Amino acid sequence: MANHAVTDSPFNGYHKSDKKHSSSLFTLSDDKRRALKIYAVVAPLLLVRSYFSGITAAGRETWYPVPLIGFVRSDLALACALLGSVPFLLLVLGWTFVGVGLLPVLANQLSQLVMPGPIPTPTEAYHSLGIQTALLGLLCVPVWRKPTAALVAFLALTVLMPYAPDQVRPLFSSTEVEDIPDQVINLNPSMQEDVGAAALESGPLLDFVWENRADWVKVSHGRALGYFVLGKNFNHDQRWRVTGQPTYSLRRGFRLTRFRDTWGESDFRLNFPEQRKRVSNMFKEEFGTSLANIYSRVLNVDPETIVLGDMGALSKMENMGFPAVKVVLPSLFWHWFNNPHTDSYLYRMDELDGKKCDRARQRTFLIPLTDPPGAGLYYWYKNGTRAQVDYKVGNVYSFEVSVLHAIRPFPYFEWAHGMSNARVTIQAFGIPCGDNWYITH
């Protein structure tokens, strides 16, 4: 009778059923298990493929092209890759719109991690991210709750994002778009493009830059982004001191430890005048005459009247260096960032080497050594109208320092990694004093 009572108990049957139902909540279907296995293989392969196709040593550090993000300093590359893969893992698991919704959140947060920060996110950036998210969600509707949603989302981002118009590109700007007209000083801005003025010298100059990657100095406020200068950099080089115990920072990585030399970081560059002088002299000896000839052609003056940084009267001025090279490795941040500014703050002298200077004729000179797709300049008129110019290797671009301008955001192409897609430009600023033009950086 006791056994019969236990067997016929209604609670006994309910318990078995409940146990079976409960376990099924934590059991993945065969399709999901298969998808996860594929994901576990594809994700590392994609990361390895990305690393080996574009891994770059520069400034005595290693830089990795993280999928969908771009070049990141080695200490943060793996973390960025793992965090960036989370939305796609959710897509594989069938949580389609959760994964799609997480993508813009991570895009904003990861960019804040590696970009020169903190940079406020303008309202238009949120609008653009919302539009992108909605479009991505619509593309994933046909594969709702299917692992293939991850593939659709990844291909859409890699293939379509470089071609996205401004309206759907989340532009992070140092100045709100509506405030740009208030910053315009020059009412009649002009961009002078001297075609072929540097054609013969561009190839050897670029080779020189590549060969001396160990001497590139990382711009500290660039944080984990690939942003470098070869030569003196008067507005970035600082004289920070190392105090207390060596520590790690997002700004400088391991520069404060035995793993990195502080002379290669712009925060500490002024502590190493010998290194600054050595690089400047090396550049000057190789290309002093060539650059003087380029600037004389652009200005239509005698080459003998060109005085480059670290030469003549400028050699006594520590902050007046030889024209410097700026290098930017491809990144989604540079695809999104806009920095309208003028160069009017550069020169404050009224006299140089006993000669009166004409500050109204100061000019900025740019010589692109590479022209990745989209590389160029923006500049603005007083009514807020924006004009633009495309970079072409061999040309020289110059304009008055009072012109409001910005490096044009250049698209990040996921499948085109490597140094050939870096933006490399020689930058210099000139002022006429007496019969001479003093050109420096």
Protein backbone atom coordinates (compact mmCIF):
# COMPACT_ATOMS: atom_id res chain seq x y z
CA MET A 1 0.00 0.00 0.00
CA ALA A 2 2.86 2.40 0.81
CA ASN A 3 4.53 1.77 -2.54
CA HIS A 4 1.24 2.14 -4.36
CA ALA A 5 0.59 5.50 -2.62
CA VAL A 6 3.96 6.83 -3.64
CA THR A 7 3.56 5.63 -7.21
CA ASP A 8 0.10 7.13 -7.60
CA SER A 9 1.02 10.44 -5.94
CA PRO A 10 0.15 13.37 -8.24
CA PHE A 11 3.17 15.32 -6.92
CA ASN A 12 5.57 12.67 -8.18
CA GLY A 13 4.58 13.16 -11.82
CA TYR A 14 4.61 16.96 -11.54
CA HIS A 15 8.14 16.91 -10.12
CA LYS A 16 9.53 14.96 -13.08
CA SER A 17 7.87 17.19 -15.62
CA ASP A 18 9.05 20.35 -13.90
CA LYS A 19 12.62 19.05 -13.77
CA LYS A 20 12.60 18.30 -17.48
CA HIS A 21 11.16 21.73 -18.31
CA SER A 22 13.66 23.50 -16.05
CA SER A 23 16.67 21.81 -17.62
CA SER A 24 15.51 22.71 -21.11
CA LEU A 25 15.78 26.42 -20.27
CA PHE A 26 19.54 26.05 -20.04
CA THR A 27 19.97 23.67 -22.93
CA LEU A 28 20.96 25.06 -26.33
CA SER A 29 19.45 23.56 -29.43
CA ASP A 30 21.65 21.62 -31.81
CA ASP A 31 21.54 24.52 -34.29
CA LYS A 32 22.74 27.00 -31.68
CA ARG A 33 25.51 24.67 -30.50
CA ARG A 34 26.63 24.24 -34.09
CA ALA A 35 26.55 28.02 -34.63
CA LEU A 36 28.58 28.65 -31.48
CA LYS A 37 31.21 26.14 -32.59
CA ILE A 38 31.50 27.91 -35.93
CA TYR A 39 31.67 31.28 -34.15
CA ALA A 40 34.37 29.98 -31.80
CA VAL A 41 36.48 29.11 -34.84
CA VAL A 42 35.69 32.09 -37.09
CA ALA A 43 36.18 34.84 -34.47
CA PRO A 44 39.80 33.91 -33.61
CA LEU A 45 40.61 33.31 -37.28
CA LEU A 46 39.26 36.76 -38.15
CA LEU A 47 41.39 38.30 -35.40
CA VAL A 48 44.50 36.43 -36.50
CA ARG A 49 43.90 37.35 -40.14
CA SER A 50 43.48 41.00 -39.18
CA TYR A 51 46.65 41.02 -37.08
CA PHE A 52 48.88 39.38 -39.66
CA SER A 53 47.62 41.55 -42.49
CA GLY A 54 48.41 44.82 -40.79
CA ILE A 55 50.37 44.45 -37.55
CA THR A 56 52.75 47.40 -37.39
CA ALA A 57 55.73 48.36 -35.27
CA ALA A 58 55.97 52.13 -34.86
CA GLY A 59 57.30 54.46 -32.20
CA ARG A 60 58.85 51.44 -30.44
CA GLU A 61 55.41 49.94 -29.83
CA THR A 62 53.20 47.45 -31.62
CA TRP A 63 49.90 48.44 -33.24
CA TYR A 64 47.16 45.97 -34.18
CA PRO A 65 44.26 46.48 -36.62
CA VAL A 66 41.32 45.29 -34.53
CA PRO A 67 38.36 44.22 -36.72
CA LEU A 68 35.82 47.03 -37.21
CA ILE A 69 37.86 49.37 -34.98
CA GLY A 70 41.24 49.87 -36.64
CA PHE A 71 44.77 50.26 -35.30
CA VAL A 72 44.99 50.14 -31.52
CA ARG A 73 48.00 50.09 -29.19
CA SER A 74 48.99 46.52 -28.29
CA ASP A 75 48.03 46.68 -24.61
CA LEU A 76 44.37 47.44 -25.46
CA ALA A 77 43.97 45.62 -28.77
CA LEU A 78 42.81 42.29 -27.38
CA ALA A 79 40.42 43.92 -24.89
CA CYS A 80 38.85 46.01 -27.68
CA ALA A 81 38.52 42.91 -29.88
CA LEU A 82 36.82 40.87 -27.15
CA LEU A 83 34.42 43.65 -26.17
CA GLY A 84 33.62 44.39 -29.79
CA SER A 85 32.74 40.74 -30.43
CA VAL A 86 30.04 40.61 -27.73
CA PRO A 87 27.18 41.97 -29.91
CA PHE A 88 27.98 39.43 -32.62
CA LEU A 89 27.97 36.63 -30.06
CA LEU A 90 24.46 37.72 -29.05
CA LEU A 91 23.44 37.73 -32.71
CA VAL A 92 24.71 34.17 -33.09
CA LEU A 93 22.65 33.12 -30.06
CA GLY A 94 19.52 34.47 -31.72
CA TRP A 95 19.12 37.63 -29.63
CA THR A 96 19.04 39.66 -32.81
CA PHE A 97 17.83 43.09 -31.74
CA VAL A 98 19.68 42.93 -28.40
CA GLY A 99 22.91 42.45 -30.36
CA VAL A 100 22.07 45.16 -32.88
CA GLY A 101 21.12 47.56 -30.08
CA LEU A 102 24.37 46.88 -28.24
CA LEU A 103 26.53 47.72 -31.27
CA PRO A 104 26.10 51.55 -31.12
CA VAL A 105 26.59 51.50 -27.34
CA LEU A 106 29.90 49.69 -27.67
CA ALA A 107 30.90 51.82 -30.68
CA ASN A 108 30.56 54.92 -28.51
CA GLN A 109 32.19 53.46 -25.41
CA LEU A 110 35.11 51.79 -27.20
CA SER A 111 35.85 54.96 -29.13
CA GLN A 112 35.92 56.87 -25.84
CA LEU A 113 38.41 54.29 -24.56
CA VAL A 114 40.93 54.72 -27.36
CA MET A 115 40.25 58.25 -28.65
CA PRO A 116 41.83 61.47 -27.36
CA GLY A 117 39.40 62.02 -24.58
CA PRO A 118 37.17 62.83 -23.10
CA ILE A 119 35.38 64.16 -26.17
CA PRO A 120 31.69 64.98 -25.78
CA THR A 121 29.33 63.22 -28.14
CA PRO A 122 27.41 65.84 -30.16
CA THR A 123 23.65 65.51 -30.62
CA GLU A 124 24.12 64.80 -34.32
CA ALA A 125 26.27 61.78 -33.43
CA TYR A 126 23.40 60.24 -31.46
CA HIS A 127 21.05 60.91 -34.37
CA SER A 128 23.47 59.23 -36.79
CA LEU A 129 23.97 56.22 -34.52
CA GLY A 130 20.20 55.87 -34.24
CA ILE A 131 19.78 55.91 -38.01
CA GLN A 132 22.58 53.35 -38.45
CA THR A 133 21.06 51.08 -35.82
CA ALA A 134 17.61 51.25 -37.43
CA LEU A 135 19.03 50.44 -40.87
CA LEU A 136 21.07 47.56 -39.46
CA GLY A 137 17.98 46.22 -37.69
CA LEU A 138 15.99 46.30 -40.94
CA LEU A 139 18.74 44.36 -42.71
CA CYS A 140 18.58 41.69 -39.99
CA VAL A 141 14.78 41.27 -40.11
CA PRO A 142 14.90 38.47 -42.76
CA VAL A 143 17.29 36.50 -40.53
CA TRP A 144 15.47 37.23 -37.26
CA ARG A 145 16.63 34.93 -34.43
CA LYS A 146 19.05 33.13 -36.76
CA PRO A 147 22.83 32.88 -36.35
CA THR A 148 23.26 34.32 -39.87
CA ALA A 149 22.22 37.71 -38.44
CA ALA A 150 25.81 38.04 -37.17
CA LEU A 151 27.17 37.56 -40.69
CA VAL A 152 24.68 40.05 -42.16
CA ALA A 153 25.56 42.68 -39.53
CA PHE A 154 29.32 42.20 -39.89
CA LEU A 155 29.28 42.39 -43.69
CA ALA A 156 26.97 45.42 -43.64
CA LEU A 157 29.33 47.28 -41.32
CA THR A 158 32.53 46.33 -43.13
CA VAL A 159 31.27 46.91 -46.66
CA LEU A 160 28.82 49.80 -46.30
CA MET A 161 30.20 51.92 -43.45
CA PRO A 162 33.13 53.47 -45.39
CA TYR A 163 30.64 54.77 -47.95
CA ALA A 164 28.08 56.10 -45.47
CA PRO A 165 27.11 59.76 -46.16
CA ASP A 166 27.57 62.40 -43.49
CA GLN A 167 23.91 62.12 -42.46
CA VAL A 168 24.41 58.59 -41.13
CA ARG A 169 28.02 58.90 -39.98
CA PRO A 170 28.32 59.64 -36.24
CA LEU A 171 30.71 62.58 -36.43
CA PHE A 172 32.47 63.45 -33.19
CA SER A 173 33.42 67.11 -33.46
CA SER A 174 35.40 69.42 -31.24
CA THR A 175 32.94 72.15 -32.29
CA GLU A 176 29.19 71.82 -32.68
CA VAL A 177 28.21 72.25 -36.34
CA GLU A 178 25.94 75.20 -35.60
CA ASP A 179 28.78 77.01 -33.77
CA ILE A 180 31.34 76.73 -36.59
CA PRO A 181 30.47 80.11 -38.25
CA ASP A 182 31.33 81.86 -34.97
CA GLN A 183 34.92 80.61 -35.27
CA VAL A 184 35.51 81.85 -38.81
CA ILE A 185 38.08 84.69 -38.83
CA ASN A 186 39.08 84.83 -42.49
CA LEU A 187 36.07 86.10 -44.47
CA ASN A 188 37.59 85.12 -47.84
CA PRO A 189 39.40 81.83 -47.25
CA SER A 190 41.42 80.43 -50.12
CA MET A 191 43.11 77.06 -50.46
CA GLN A 192 46.14 77.12 -52.74
CA GLU A 193 46.97 73.81 -54.44
CA ASP A 194 50.33 73.75 -56.22
CA VAL A 195 50.12 70.78 -58.55
CA GLY A 196 53.32 68.75 -58.79
CA ALA A 197 55.35 71.11 -56.61
CA ALA A 198 56.67 68.16 -54.57
CA ALA A 199 56.34 65.40 -57.16
CA LEU A 200 60.03 64.45 -57.38
CA GLU A 201 60.67 64.49 -53.64
CA SER A 202 57.54 62.69 -52.35
CA GLY A 203 58.78 59.12 -52.95
CA PRO A 204 62.18 59.53 -51.22
CA LEU A 205 60.55 61.45 -48.37
CA LEU A 206 58.02 58.67 -47.76
CA ASP A 207 60.76 56.03 -47.83
CA PHE A 208 62.69 58.05 -45.26
CA VAL A 209 59.64 58.22 -42.98
CA TRP A 210 59.03 54.43 -43.18
CA GLU A 211 62.69 53.60 -42.56
CA ASN A 212 62.73 55.67 -39.38
CA ARG A 213 59.57 54.35 -37.71
CA ALA A 214 61.51 53.73 -34.50
CA ASP A 215 61.99 57.49 -34.19
CA TRP A 216 58.31 58.35 -34.51
CA VAL A 217 57.02 60.00 -31.36
CA LYS A 218 53.54 59.07 -30.20
CA VAL A 219 51.29 62.07 -29.58
CA SER A 220 50.23 61.45 -25.98
CA HIS A 221 46.76 62.94 -26.16
CA GLY A 222 46.05 60.40 -28.92
CA ARG A 223 45.85 57.79 -26.14
CA ALA A 224 45.64 54.32 -27.72
CA LEU A 225 45.37 55.55 -31.32
CA GLY A 226 48.18 55.46 -33.87
CA TYR A 227 49.06 59.17 -34.05
CA PHE A 228 52.75 60.08 -34.45
CA VAL A 229 55.19 62.86 -35.28
CA LEU A 230 58.63 62.52 -36.81
CA GLY A 231 60.50 65.65 -35.76
CA LYS A 232 59.86 68.45 -33.29
CA ASN A 233 56.25 69.13 -32.39
CA PHE A 234 55.95 72.49 -30.67
CA ASN A 235 52.26 72.17 -29.71
CA HIS A 236 52.42 68.58 -28.40
CA ASP A 237 55.92 68.11 -26.96
CA GLN A 238 55.80 68.52 -23.17
CA ARG A 239 58.20 68.35 -20.23
CA TRP A 240 56.29 66.11 -17.84
CA ARG A 241 58.29 64.49 -15.06
CA VAL A 242 58.02 60.91 -13.87
CA THR A 243 57.12 61.02 -10.19
CA GLY A 244 56.49 58.23 -7.68
CA GLN A 245 56.25 54.59 -8.66
CA PRO A 246 56.00 53.74 -12.39
CA THR A 247 52.39 53.14 -13.36
CA TYR A 248 50.28 52.31 -16.38
CA SER A 249 47.90 54.81 -17.97
CA LEU A 250 45.48 54.77 -20.89
CA ARG A 251 47.20 57.91 -22.16
CA ARG A 252 50.72 56.50 -22.32
CA GLY A 253 50.37 52.75 -21.88
CA PHE A 254 53.48 51.35 -20.20
CA ARG A 255 55.63 54.39 -20.95
CA LEU A 256 56.17 54.95 -17.24
CA THR A 257 57.68 51.51 -16.71
CA ARG A 258 60.81 49.70 -17.78
CA PHE A 259 58.84 48.32 -20.76
CA ARG A 260 58.84 51.65 -22.64
CA ASP A 261 61.22 54.55 -23.27
CA THR A 262 59.67 57.84 -22.21
CA TRP A 263 61.53 59.77 -24.92
CA GLY A 264 59.14 58.26 -27.49
CA GLU A 265 56.09 59.87 -25.85
CA SER A 266 55.29 63.53 -26.54
CA ASP A 267 54.43 64.13 -22.86
CA PHE A 268 58.14 63.69 -22.03
CA ARG A 269 59.77 64.80 -25.27
CA LEU A 270 61.16 68.11 -23.98
CA ASN A 271 63.13 66.13 -21.40
CA PHE A 272 65.29 64.76 -24.24
CA PRO A 273 66.72 67.69 -26.26
CA GLU A 274 69.49 65.51 -27.67
CA GLN A 275 66.99 63.09 -29.19
CA ARG A 276 64.92 65.93 -30.66
CA LYS A 277 68.03 67.51 -32.17
CA ARG A 278 69.30 64.21 -33.59
CA VAL A 279 66.05 63.48 -35.44
CA SER A 280 65.76 67.05 -36.67
CA ASN A 281 69.36 67.06 -37.95
CA MET A 282 68.85 63.71 -39.66
CA PHE A 283 65.80 65.06 -41.49
CA LYS A 284 67.54 68.35 -42.29
CA GLU A 285 70.64 66.71 -43.74
CA GLU A 286 68.59 64.39 -45.96
CA PHE A 287 65.97 66.83 -47.24
CA GLY A 288 66.89 70.39 -46.20
CA THR A 289 67.70 71.46 -49.76
CA SER A 290 64.74 69.59 -51.30
CA LEU A 291 62.20 71.14 -48.94
CA ALA A 292 63.65 74.62 -49.35
CA ASN A 293 63.20 74.23 -53.10
CA ILE A 294 59.60 73.04 -52.67
CA TYR A 295 58.62 75.99 -50.49
CA SER A 296 60.39 78.45 -52.79
CA ARG A 297 58.39 77.10 -55.77
CA VAL A 298 55.13 77.48 -53.87
CA LEU A 299 55.96 81.02 -52.69
CA ASN A 300 57.66 81.99 -55.97
CA VAL A 301 60.77 83.26 -54.17
CA ASP A 302 64.50 82.55 -54.34
CA PRO A 303 65.43 79.32 -52.45
CA GLU A 304 68.16 81.32 -50.71
CA THR A 305 65.49 83.33 -48.90
CA ILE A 306 63.97 80.21 -47.31
CA VAL A 307 65.11 79.61 -43.72
CA LEU A 308 63.95 76.26 -42.35
CA GLY A 309 63.59 75.38 -38.67
CA ASP A 310 66.84 74.60 -36.79
CA MET A 311 68.73 76.74 -39.31
CA GLY A 312 69.93 80.35 -39.11
CA ALA A 313 68.17 82.43 -36.47
CA LEU A 314 65.67 79.60 -35.85
CA SER A 315 68.42 77.27 -34.58
CA LYS A 316 68.48 79.30 -31.34
CA MET A 317 64.76 78.77 -30.74
CA GLU A 318 63.99 75.38 -29.20
CA ASN A 319 60.30 75.47 -30.13
CA MET A 320 60.98 76.29 -33.79
CA GLY A 321 61.84 72.96 -35.37
CA PHE A 322 62.37 71.60 -38.85
CA PRO A 323 59.15 70.85 -40.84
CA ALA A 324 57.69 67.75 -39.20
CA VAL A 325 55.92 64.64 -40.48
CA LYS A 326 52.56 63.65 -38.99
CA VAL A 327 51.43 60.05 -39.33
CA VAL A 328 47.94 58.71 -38.65
CA LEU A 329 47.23 54.96 -38.78
CA PRO A 330 43.74 54.01 -40.06
CA SER A 331 41.07 53.88 -37.39
CA LEU A 332 37.32 54.19 -37.09
CA PHE A 333 37.95 57.20 -34.84
CA TRP A 334 39.61 59.17 -37.64
CA HIS A 335 36.62 58.22 -39.80
CA TRP A 336 34.37 59.93 -37.25
CA PHE A 337 36.38 62.85 -35.85
CA ASN A 338 36.24 66.49 -37.01
CA ASN A 339 38.40 69.23 -35.46
CA PRO A 340 37.77 72.74 -36.91
CA HIS A 341 40.58 75.12 -35.91
CA THR A 342 42.85 77.90 -37.11
CA ASP A 343 46.65 78.10 -36.88
CA SER A 344 46.63 81.78 -35.88
CA TYR A 345 48.07 81.03 -32.44
CA LEU A 346 51.40 79.86 -33.87
CA TYR A 347 53.46 83.02 -34.24
CA ARG A 348 53.41 85.94 -31.84
CA MET A 349 56.70 87.60 -32.80
CA ASP A 350 56.76 90.98 -34.55
CA GLU A 351 60.47 90.73 -35.30
CA LEU A 352 62.89 87.90 -36.08
CA ASP A 353 66.65 88.17 -36.44
CA GLY A 354 66.33 91.94 -36.51
CA LYS A 355 63.81 91.88 -39.36
CA LYS A 356 60.19 93.02 -39.13
CA CYS A 357 57.68 90.20 -39.62
CA ASP A 358 54.43 90.43 -41.57
CA ARG A 359 52.02 88.43 -39.41
CA ALA A 360 49.14 89.04 -41.84
CA ARG A 361 50.89 86.82 -44.44
CA GLN A 362 51.57 83.78 -42.25
CA ARG A 363 50.80 80.51 -44.03
CA THR A 364 50.33 76.83 -43.30
CA PHE A 365 51.95 74.32 -45.69
CA LEU A 366 50.89 70.68 -46.11
CA ILE A 367 52.65 68.09 -48.29
CA PRO A 368 50.81 64.74 -48.37
CA LEU A 369 53.13 61.76 -48.85
CA THR A 370 50.19 59.32 -49.06
CA ASP A 371 46.63 59.84 -50.25
CA PRO A 372 44.39 57.10 -48.81
CA PRO A 373 40.75 57.26 -50.00
CA GLY A 374 39.00 60.26 -48.50
CA ALA A 375 42.14 62.03 -47.24
CA GLY A 376 41.96 65.79 -47.58
CA LEU A 377 40.92 69.03 -45.89
CA TYR A 378 37.74 70.84 -44.91
CA TYR A 379 37.62 74.64 -44.66
CA TRP A 380 34.77 77.00 -43.86
CA TYR A 381 33.26 80.31 -44.94
CA LYS A 382 31.64 82.80 -42.58
CA ASN A 383 28.12 81.69 -43.51
CA GLY A 384 28.96 78.17 -42.35
CA THR A 385 29.43 76.78 -45.87
CA ARG A 386 32.01 74.01 -45.89
CA ALA A 387 34.41 73.48 -48.79
CA GLN A 388 36.83 70.61 -49.21
CA VAL A 389 39.96 69.60 -51.07
CA ASP A 390 41.27 66.13 -51.94
CA TYR A 391 44.87 65.23 -51.16
CA LYS A 392 47.07 64.18 -54.06
CA VAL A 393 50.65 63.01 -53.59
CA GLY A 394 53.05 65.41 -55.30
CA ASN A 395 50.96 68.50 -54.64
CA VAL A 396 51.47 71.13 -51.95
CA TYR A 397 48.55 72.76 -50.13
CA SER A 398 48.87 76.12 -48.42
CA PHE A 399 46.55 78.68 -46.87
CA GLU A 400 46.60 81.61 -44.48
CA VAL A 401 46.82 80.54 -40.83
CA SER A 402 43.56 82.41 -40.12
CA VAL A 403 41.53 80.01 -42.29
CA LEU A 404 39.25 77.75 -40.25
CA HIS A 405 40.07 74.22 -41.40
CA ALA A 406 40.11 70.57 -40.33
CA ILE A 407 41.71 67.35 -41.45
CA ARG A 408 38.90 65.68 -43.37
CA PRO A 409 37.78 62.41 -41.72
CA PHE A 410 39.02 59.60 -43.93
CA PRO A 411 37.03 56.34 -44.12
CA TYR A 412 38.18 53.22 -42.37
CA PHE A 413 38.21 50.28 -44.82
CA GLU A 414 38.12 47.00 -42.93
CA TRP A 415 39.77 44.96 -45.68
CA ALA A 416 42.55 47.42 -46.51
CA HIS A 417 44.89 47.45 -43.55
CA GLY A 418 48.54 48.37 -43.52
CA MET A 419 50.88 51.30 -43.82
CA SER A 420 49.79 52.12 -47.38
CA ASN A 421 46.50 53.35 -45.92
CA ALA A 422 48.11 55.55 -43.28
CA ARG A 423 47.80 59.30 -43.66
CA VAL A 424 51.32 60.79 -43.84
CA THR A 425 51.78 64.55 -44.24
CA ILE A 426 54.66 67.02 -43.88
CA GLN A 427 53.40 70.03 -41.95
CA ALA A 428 55.04 73.44 -41.62
CA PHE A 429 54.16 77.06 -40.91
CA GLY A 430 55.81 80.08 -42.50
CA ILE A 431 56.12 83.80 -41.78
CA PRO A 432 57.87 86.45 -43.91
CA CYS A 433 60.34 88.66 -42.05
CA GLY A 434 62.26 91.15 -44.15
CA ASP A 435 63.39 89.41 -47.34
CA ASN A 436 63.28 85.92 -45.82
CA TRP A 437 60.55 83.32 -45.27
CA TYR A 438 61.01 81.43 -41.98
CA ILE A 439 59.39 77.99 -42.20
CA THR A 440 59.20 75.80 -39.16
CA HIS A 441 57.15 73.42 -37.04
